[in-house]
Amino acid sequence: MATSVKYKDEILNEFNDLSDEQATNLMKIMRLFKESIIRQREYDFDIKREFEEWDKLSDEAFLNFEDNL
């Protein structure tokens, strides 16, 4: 939890001496970055699931191939 507070303090320090417009733009950038991280994590889980399905299919195909020899 202390790490979280540390980062919050660092983020607040980045806002020092920024105009309202600059602070608004920085907030937009932070939101976009956060959304991209969340989407990337979801994409990573989806691709991992897809690879697992392909592995199962390739294992099944290999076993079927061996059975037909």
Protein backbone atom coordinates (compact mmCIF):
# COMPACT_ATOMS: atom_id res chain seq x y z
CA MET A 1 0.00 0.00 0.00
CA ALA A 2 2.89 2.35 0.69
CA THR A 3 4.02 1.98 -2.91
CA SER A 4 0.61 3.14 -4.09
CA VAL A 5 0.87 6.28 -1.96
CA LYS A 6 4.35 6.91 -3.34
CA TYR A 7 3.08 6.83 -6.91
CA LYS A 8 0.10 9.03 -6.06
CA ASP A 9 2.50 11.60 -4.62
CA GLU A 10 4.67 11.41 -7.74
CA ILE A 11 1.64 11.89 -9.98
CA LEU A 12 0.49 14.87 -7.93
CA ASN A 13 3.97 16.36 -8.19
CA GLU A 14 3.73 16.14 -11.99
CA PHE A 15 0.71 18.45 -11.80
CA ASN A 16 2.63 21.19 -10.00
CA ASP A 17 2.98 24.34 -12.05
CA LEU A 18 0.74 23.09 -14.88
CA SER A 19 -1.95 25.28 -16.31
CA ASP A 20 -5.54 24.02 -16.22
CA GLU A 21 -5.34 23.13 -19.91
CA GLN A 22 -2.11 21.20 -19.43
CA ALA A 23 -3.51 19.39 -16.38
CA THR A 24 -6.64 18.46 -18.34
CA ASN A 25 -4.53 17.10 -21.19
CA LEU A 26 -2.35 15.14 -18.78
CA MET A 27 -5.48 13.60 -17.23
CA LYS A 28 -6.71 12.59 -20.70
CA ILE A 29 -3.34 10.98 -21.44
CA MET A 30 -3.42 9.08 -18.14
CA ARG A 31 -6.95 7.81 -18.81
CA LEU A 32 -6.04 6.67 -22.32
CA PHE A 33 -2.95 4.93 -21.01
CA LYS A 34 -4.95 3.19 -18.27
CA GLU A 35 -7.57 2.05 -20.78
CA SER A 36 -4.88 0.73 -23.12
CA ILE A 37 -3.31 -1.29 -20.30
CA ILE A 38 -6.69 -2.81 -19.41
CA ARG A 39 -7.42 -3.63 -23.07
CA GLN A 40 -3.97 -5.13 -23.56
CA ARG A 41 -4.44 -7.35 -20.51
CA GLU A 42 -7.81 -8.53 -21.86
CA TYR A 43 -6.25 -9.14 -25.28
CA ASP A 44 -3.42 -11.11 -23.68
CA PHE A 45 -5.91 -13.37 -21.88
CA ASP A 46 -7.89 -13.86 -25.09
CA ILE A 47 -4.82 -14.76 -27.13
CA LYS A 48 -3.60 -17.12 -24.41
CA ARG A 49 -6.99 -18.85 -24.42
CA GLU A 50 -6.87 -19.10 -28.21
CA PHE A 51 -3.38 -20.64 -28.14
CA GLU A 52 -4.56 -23.19 -25.58
CA GLU A 53 -7.46 -24.14 -27.88
CA TRP A 54 -5.08 -24.48 -30.84
CA ASP A 55 -2.79 -26.67 -28.73
CA LYS A 56 -5.69 -28.96 -27.88
CA LEU A 57 -6.71 -29.15 -31.54
CA SER A 58 -3.17 -29.87 -32.71
CA ASP A 59 -2.76 -32.56 -30.02
CA GLU A 60 -6.04 -34.11 -31.09
CA ALA A 61 -5.04 -34.00 -34.76
CA PHE A 62 -1.68 -35.59 -33.97
CA LEU A 63 -3.31 -38.39 -31.98
CA ASN A 64 -5.80 -39.01 -34.79
CA PHE A 65 -2.95 -39.10 -37.28
CA GLU A 66 -1.08 -41.66 -35.18
CA ASP A 67 -4.22 -43.78 -34.84
CA ASN A 68 -4.59 -43.90 -38.62
CA LEU A 69 -1.05 -45.15 -39.22
